[in-house]
Amino acid sequence: MNKNIGVKDILVRFDEISKHYVRELDKYSLAELCRKPSENEWSLGQMYLHLPHSTLNLQLRLAEQCMALGGGSEEGGGKTEAGHAVFEQGSFPPVRIQVPADLQHTPPQPESKEQLAAKLEEARRRMHEIGASLQNIDPERQQRKATHPAVAFGALNAVEWFMMVEMHYRHHLLQKERLDAFLQTAELLD
């Protein structure tokens, strides 16, 4: 990824994409948000819940771990080949990523559109809090790393975990497009 992109730039891009997701909610009924293309695929509402959940409980948690005194590891290892590729491209590859279909990885169906908007806003607010901390982090703590739980990307530092959030939201726009197409086709068949 372009080394000149800073925390403020990431926040601007994240705010734009986060607001896009919230605006798009107006297009759907709760029934549409809960409709799944197949038993093994997520609904649009599940995808919407997945975004702030992974932001708050994975990416930003690991960024905070890296920033904490004694958090992360001093050496931290390095990125995997996939991790290097993602950061060089500034995005995830445009492919579907399947996670295990179990309760740990599968988000519940949403309770309401308001719930989805509130969760997205919570993640946006937390991004700004972490972003403010990242702008003031001392150089020693900038080098601390935490490893991706699935080891997919290897060990990342706090700024990289922070960048991962915006890339993750952008990546799920592809899934949103597929689900929008599914909902249009399903509407024609009803």
C-alpha atoms as a PDB file:
ATOM      1  CA  MET A   1       0.000   0.000   0.000  1.00  0.00           C
ATOM      2  CA  ASN A   2       1.155   3.517  -0.619  1.00  0.00           C
ATOM      3  CA  LYS A   3       3.455   4.368   2.287  1.00  0.00           C
ATOM      4  CA  ASN A   4       2.253   7.996   2.175  1.00  0.00           C
ATOM      5  CA  ILE A   5      -1.263   7.053   3.272  1.00  0.00           C
ATOM      6  CA  GLY A   6      -1.604   8.078   6.885  1.00  0.00           C
ATOM      7  CA  VAL A   7      -4.072   7.500   9.670  1.00  0.00           C
ATOM      8  CA  LYS A   8      -6.113  10.582   8.725  1.00  0.00           C
ATOM      9  CA  ASP A   9      -6.384   9.394   5.113  1.00  0.00           C
ATOM     10  CA  ILE A  10      -7.531   5.974   6.272  1.00  0.00           C
ATOM     11  CA  LEU A  11     -10.180   7.580   8.483  1.00  0.00           C
ATOM     12  CA  VAL A  12     -11.492   9.698   5.608  1.00  0.00           C
ATOM     13  CA  ARG A  13     -11.759   6.621   3.372  1.00  0.00           C
ATOM     14  CA  PHE A  14     -13.304   4.579   6.169  1.00  0.00           C
ATOM     15  CA  ASP A  15     -15.893   7.268   6.937  1.00  0.00           C
ATOM     16  CA  GLU A  16     -16.891   7.370   3.271  1.00  0.00           C
ATOM     17  CA  ILE A  17     -17.376   3.627   2.972  1.00  0.00           C
ATOM     18  CA  SER A  18     -19.064   3.352   6.365  1.00  0.00           C
ATOM     19  CA  LYS A  19     -21.561   6.095   5.427  1.00  0.00           C
ATOM     20  CA  HIS A  20     -22.147   4.309   2.114  1.00  0.00           C
ATOM     21  CA  TYR A  21     -23.155   1.132   3.949  1.00  0.00           C
ATOM     22  CA  VAL A  22     -25.512   3.091   6.233  1.00  0.00           C
ATOM     23  CA  ARG A  23     -27.129   4.974   3.302  1.00  0.00           C
ATOM     24  CA  GLU A  24     -27.643   1.701   1.452  1.00  0.00           C
ATOM     25  CA  LEU A  25     -29.700   0.312   4.344  1.00  0.00           C
ATOM     26  CA  ASP A  26     -32.621   2.506   3.215  1.00  0.00           C
ATOM     27  CA  LYS A  27     -32.965   0.334   0.102  1.00  0.00           C
ATOM     28  CA  TYR A  28     -33.878  -2.824   2.004  1.00  0.00           C
ATOM     29  CA  SER A  29     -36.648  -4.213   4.130  1.00  0.00           C
ATOM     30  CA  LEU A  30     -35.683  -6.313   7.141  1.00  0.00           C
ATOM     31  CA  ALA A  31     -36.966  -9.381   5.269  1.00  0.00           C
ATOM     32  CA  GLU A  32     -34.592  -8.622   2.379  1.00  0.00           C
ATOM     33  CA  LEU A  33     -31.696  -8.111   4.793  1.00  0.00           C
ATOM     34  CA  CYS A  34     -32.394 -11.568   6.244  1.00  0.00           C
ATOM     35  CA  ARG A  35     -32.872 -13.420   2.952  1.00  0.00           C
ATOM     36  CA  LYS A  36     -30.055 -15.869   2.173  1.00  0.00           C
ATOM     37  CA  PRO A  37     -29.097 -17.081  -1.310  1.00  0.00           C
ATOM     38  CA  SER A  38     -28.530 -20.572   0.123  1.00  0.00           C
ATOM     39  CA  GLU A  39     -28.258 -22.310   3.464  1.00  0.00           C
ATOM     40  CA  ASN A  40     -24.445 -22.013   3.427  1.00  0.00           C
ATOM     41  CA  GLU A  41     -24.277 -18.321   2.482  1.00  0.00           C
ATOM     42  CA  TRP A  42     -24.801 -15.210   4.556  1.00  0.00           C
ATOM     43  CA  SER A  43     -27.643 -12.795   4.161  1.00  0.00           C
ATOM     44  CA  LEU A  44     -26.922  -9.133   3.563  1.00  0.00           C
ATOM     45  CA  GLY A  45     -27.832  -8.440   7.184  1.00  0.00           C
ATOM     46  CA  GLN A  46     -25.344 -11.036   8.418  1.00  0.00           C
ATOM     47  CA  MET A  47     -22.657  -9.420   6.284  1.00  0.00           C
ATOM     48  CA  TYR A  48     -23.584  -6.026   7.735  1.00  0.00           C
ATOM     49  CA  LEU A  49     -23.177  -7.421  11.280  1.00  0.00           C
ATOM     50  CA  HIS A  50     -19.907  -9.119  10.375  1.00  0.00           C
ATOM     51  CA  LEU A  51     -18.224  -5.836   9.421  1.00  0.00           C
ATOM     52  CA  PRO A  52     -18.447  -3.999  12.770  1.00  0.00           C
ATOM     53  CA  HIS A  53     -18.035  -7.246  14.711  1.00  0.00           C
ATOM     54  CA  SER A  54     -14.691  -8.028  13.078  1.00  0.00           C
ATOM     55  CA  THR A  55     -13.665  -4.363  13.355  1.00  0.00           C
ATOM     56  CA  LEU A  56     -14.369  -4.186  17.084  1.00  0.00           C
ATOM     57  CA  ASN A  57     -13.448  -7.722  18.120  1.00  0.00           C
ATOM     58  CA  LEU A  58     -10.518  -8.519  15.846  1.00  0.00           C
ATOM     59  CA  GLN A  59      -8.774  -5.753  13.919  1.00  0.00           C
ATOM     60  CA  LEU A  60      -9.062  -2.909  16.447  1.00  0.00           C
ATOM     61  CA  ARG A  61      -8.561  -5.257  19.399  1.00  0.00           C
ATOM     62  CA  LEU A  62      -5.274  -6.407  17.853  1.00  0.00           C
ATOM     63  CA  ALA A  63      -4.277  -2.809  17.022  1.00  0.00           C
ATOM     64  CA  GLU A  64      -4.839  -1.911  20.688  1.00  0.00           C
ATOM     65  CA  GLN A  65      -2.873  -4.974  21.773  1.00  0.00           C
ATOM     66  CA  CYS A  66       0.056  -3.776  19.681  1.00  0.00           C
ATOM     67  CA  MET A  67      -0.155  -0.270  21.170  1.00  0.00           C
ATOM     68  CA  ALA A  68      -0.492  -1.388  24.795  1.00  0.00           C
ATOM     69  CA  LEU A  69       2.511  -1.300  27.074  1.00  0.00           C
ATOM     70  CA  GLY A  70       3.747  -4.851  27.063  1.00  0.00           C
ATOM     71  CA  GLY A  71       1.195  -5.700  24.352  1.00  0.00           C
ATOM     72  CA  GLY A  72       2.037  -7.404  21.100  1.00  0.00           C
ATOM     73  CA  SER A  73       5.482  -8.832  20.663  1.00  0.00           C
ATOM     74  CA  GLU A  74       8.689  -6.880  20.228  1.00  0.00           C
ATOM     75  CA  GLU A  75       9.867  -8.990  17.293  1.00  0.00           C
ATOM     76  CA  GLY A  76       6.400 -10.007  16.180  1.00  0.00           C
ATOM     77  CA  GLY A  77       7.497 -12.080  13.229  1.00  0.00           C
ATOM     78  CA  GLY A  78       6.511 -10.876   9.818  1.00  0.00           C
ATOM     79  CA  LYS A  79       3.770 -10.901   7.272  1.00  0.00           C
ATOM     80  CA  THR A  80       2.975 -13.975   5.257  1.00  0.00           C
ATOM     81  CA  GLU A  81       3.207 -13.852   1.480  1.00  0.00           C
ATOM     82  CA  ALA A  82      -0.539 -13.138   1.406  1.00  0.00           C
ATOM     83  CA  GLY A  83      -0.054 -10.353   3.965  1.00  0.00           C
ATOM     84  CA  HIS A  84       2.642  -8.710   1.856  1.00  0.00           C
ATOM     85  CA  ALA A  85       0.447  -8.952  -1.246  1.00  0.00           C
ATOM     86  CA  VAL A  86      -2.572  -7.387   0.474  1.00  0.00           C
ATOM     87  CA  PHE A  87      -0.577  -4.397   1.707  1.00  0.00           C
ATOM     88  CA  GLU A  88       1.266  -3.923  -1.590  1.00  0.00           C
ATOM     89  CA  GLN A  89      -2.065  -3.875  -3.460  1.00  0.00           C
ATOM     90  CA  GLY A  90      -3.859  -1.911  -0.757  1.00  0.00           C
ATOM     91  CA  SER A  91      -6.760  -4.344  -0.881  1.00  0.00           C
ATOM     92  CA  PHE A  92      -7.801  -7.936  -0.459  1.00  0.00           C
ATOM     93  CA  PRO A  93      -7.795 -10.012  -3.650  1.00  0.00           C
ATOM     94  CA  PRO A  94     -11.200  -9.855  -5.399  1.00  0.00           C
ATOM     95  CA  VAL A  95     -12.096 -13.442  -4.506  1.00  0.00           C
ATOM     96  CA  ARG A  96     -14.704 -14.988  -2.257  1.00  0.00           C
ATOM     97  CA  ILE A  97     -13.336 -15.995   1.110  1.00  0.00           C
ATOM     98  CA  GLN A  98     -15.226 -18.825   2.779  1.00  0.00           C
ATOM     99  CA  VAL A  99     -15.153 -19.144   6.548  1.00  0.00           C
ATOM    100  CA  PRO A 100     -16.341 -22.247   8.398  1.00  0.00           C
ATOM    101  CA  ALA A 101     -20.129 -22.402   8.669  1.00  0.00           C
ATOM    102  CA  ASP A 102     -20.261 -22.571  12.449  1.00  0.00           C
ATOM    103  CA  LEU A 103     -21.607 -20.403  15.261  1.00  0.00           C
ATOM    104  CA  GLN A 104     -18.200 -18.819  15.895  1.00  0.00           C
ATOM    105  CA  HIS A 105     -17.867 -17.491  12.338  1.00  0.00           C
ATOM    106  CA  THR A 106     -21.495 -17.054  11.244  1.00  0.00           C
ATOM    107  CA  PRO A 107     -23.151 -13.810  12.355  1.00  0.00           C
ATOM    108  CA  PRO A 108     -26.761 -13.947  13.533  1.00  0.00           C
ATOM    109  CA  GLN A 109     -29.533 -12.429  11.466  1.00  0.00           C
ATOM    110  CA  PRO A 110     -30.077  -8.742  12.265  1.00  0.00           C
ATOM    111  CA  GLU A 111     -32.853  -7.665  14.612  1.00  0.00           C
ATOM    112  CA  SER A 112     -33.497  -4.375  12.793  1.00  0.00           C
ATOM    113  CA  LYS A 113     -32.042  -1.877  10.346  1.00  0.00           C
ATOM    114  CA  GLU A 114     -31.468   0.429  13.322  1.00  0.00           C
ATOM    115  CA  GLN A 115     -29.302  -2.237  14.954  1.00  0.00           C
ATOM    116  CA  LEU A 116     -27.151  -2.432  11.831  1.00  0.00           C
ATOM    117  CA  ALA A 117     -26.768   1.353  11.601  1.00  0.00           C
ATOM    118  CA  ALA A 118     -25.897   1.551  15.311  1.00  0.00           C
ATOM    119  CA  LYS A 119     -23.229  -1.166  15.025  1.00  0.00           C
ATOM    120  CA  LEU A 120     -21.682   0.518  12.001  1.00  0.00           C
ATOM    121  CA  GLU A 121     -21.640   3.819  13.900  1.00  0.00           C
ATOM    122  CA  GLU A 122     -20.046   2.131  16.936  1.00  0.00           C
ATOM    123  CA  ALA A 123     -17.254   0.782  14.710  1.00  0.00           C
ATOM    124  CA  ARG A 124     -16.814   4.197  13.060  1.00  0.00           C
ATOM    125  CA  ARG A 125     -16.586   5.931  16.430  1.00  0.00           C
ATOM    126  CA  ARG A 126     -14.056   3.374  17.676  1.00  0.00           C
ATOM    127  CA  MET A 127     -11.963   3.793  14.520  1.00  0.00           C
ATOM    128  CA  HIS A 128     -11.686   7.506  15.306  1.00  0.00           C
ATOM    129  CA  GLU A 129     -10.673   6.784  18.908  1.00  0.00           C
ATOM    130  CA  ILE A 130      -7.979   4.312  17.853  1.00  0.00           C
ATOM    131  CA  GLY A 131      -6.909   6.635  15.029  1.00  0.00           C
ATOM    132  CA  ALA A 132      -6.275   9.437  17.527  1.00  0.00           C
ATOM    133  CA  SER A 133      -4.146   7.072  19.624  1.00  0.00           C
ATOM    134  CA  LEU A 134      -2.201   5.881  16.580  1.00  0.00           C
ATOM    135  CA  GLN A 135      -1.254   9.427  15.639  1.00  0.00           C
ATOM    136  CA  ASN A 136       0.484   9.811  19.007  1.00  0.00           C
ATOM    137  CA  ILE A 137       2.100   6.371  19.310  1.00  0.00           C
ATOM    138  CA  ASP A 138       5.809   6.314  20.090  1.00  0.00           C
ATOM    139  CA  PRO A 139       8.187   4.656  17.582  1.00  0.00           C
ATOM    140  CA  GLU A 140       8.972   1.677  19.838  1.00  0.00           C
ATOM    141  CA  ARG A 141       5.320   0.700  20.110  1.00  0.00           C
ATOM    142  CA  GLN A 142       4.863   1.194  16.344  1.00  0.00           C
ATOM    143  CA  GLN A 143       7.006  -1.894  15.810  1.00  0.00           C
ATOM    144  CA  ARG A 144       5.009  -4.227  18.062  1.00  0.00           C
ATOM    145  CA  LYS A 145       2.982  -6.787  16.172  1.00  0.00           C
ATOM    146  CA  ALA A 146       0.126  -9.198  16.684  1.00  0.00           C
ATOM    147  CA  THR A 147      -0.498 -12.243  14.523  1.00  0.00           C
ATOM    148  CA  HIS A 148      -3.703 -12.740  12.566  1.00  0.00           C
ATOM    149  CA  PRO A 149      -5.658 -15.548  14.321  1.00  0.00           C
ATOM    150  CA  ALA A 150      -5.995 -17.529  11.099  1.00  0.00           C
ATOM    151  CA  VAL A 151      -2.348 -16.739  10.296  1.00  0.00           C
ATOM    152  CA  ALA A 152      -3.592 -15.579   6.892  1.00  0.00           C
ATOM    153  CA  PHE A 153      -1.669 -12.314   6.935  1.00  0.00           C
ATOM    154  CA  GLY A 154       0.973 -13.027   9.543  1.00  0.00           C
ATOM    155  CA  ALA A 155       2.062 -10.510  12.149  1.00  0.00           C
ATOM    156  CA  LEU A 156       0.849  -6.936  11.655  1.00  0.00           C
ATOM    157  CA  ASN A 157       1.561  -3.753  13.602  1.00  0.00           C
ATOM    158  CA  ALA A 158      -1.127  -1.421  14.973  1.00  0.00           C
ATOM    159  CA  VAL A 159      -1.269   0.799  11.894  1.00  0.00           C
ATOM    160  CA  GLU A 160      -1.558  -2.240   9.624  1.00  0.00           C
ATOM    161  CA  TRP A 161      -4.432  -3.640  11.719  1.00  0.00           C
ATOM    162  CA  PHE A 162      -6.057  -0.210  11.500  1.00  0.00           C
ATOM    163  CA  MET A 163      -5.632  -0.158   7.707  1.00  0.00           C
ATOM    164  CA  MET A 164      -7.079  -3.672   7.531  1.00  0.00           C
ATOM    165  CA  VAL A 165     -10.487  -2.367   8.687  1.00  0.00           C
ATOM    166  CA  GLU A 166     -10.979  -0.086   5.689  1.00  0.00           C
ATOM    167  CA  MET A 167      -9.691  -2.774   3.296  1.00  0.00           C
ATOM    168  CA  HIS A 168     -12.104  -5.290   4.850  1.00  0.00           C
ATOM    169  CA  TYR A 169     -15.119  -2.978   4.421  1.00  0.00           C
ATOM    170  CA  ARG A 170     -14.095  -2.342   0.806  1.00  0.00           C
ATOM    171  CA  HIS A 171     -13.658  -6.072   0.157  1.00  0.00           C
ATOM    172  CA  HIS A 172     -17.207  -6.810   1.327  1.00  0.00           C
ATOM    173  CA  LEU A 173     -18.612  -4.443  -1.309  1.00  0.00           C
ATOM    174  CA  LEU A 174     -18.103  -7.373  -3.720  1.00  0.00           C
ATOM    175  CA  GLN A 175     -20.256  -9.601  -1.523  1.00  0.00           C
ATOM    176  CA  LYS A 176     -22.825  -6.817  -1.264  1.00  0.00           C
ATOM    177  CA  GLU A 177     -22.974  -6.606  -5.069  1.00  0.00           C
ATOM    178  CA  ARG A 178     -23.575 -10.373  -5.305  1.00  0.00           C
ATOM    179  CA  LEU A 179     -26.288 -10.196  -2.631  1.00  0.00           C
ATOM    180  CA  ASP A 180     -27.935  -7.197  -4.307  1.00  0.00           C
ATOM    181  CA  ALA A 181     -28.059  -9.166  -7.585  1.00  0.00           C
ATOM    182  CA  PHE A 182     -29.516 -12.154  -5.724  1.00  0.00           C
ATOM    183  CA  LEU A 183     -32.216  -9.977  -4.133  1.00  0.00           C
ATOM    184  CA  GLN A 184     -33.155  -8.444  -7.513  1.00  0.00           C
ATOM    185  CA  THR A 185     -33.444 -11.885  -9.084  1.00  0.00           C
ATOM    186  CA  ALA A 186     -35.388 -13.244  -6.113  1.00  0.00           C
ATOM    187  CA  GLU A 187     -37.786 -10.270  -6.334  1.00  0.00           C
ATOM    188  CA  LEU A 188     -38.448 -11.043 -10.012  1.00  0.00           C
ATOM    189  CA  LEU A 189     -39.188 -14.676  -9.171  1.00  0.00           C
ATOM    190  CA  ASP A 190     -41.577 -13.883  -6.300  1.00  0.00           C
END
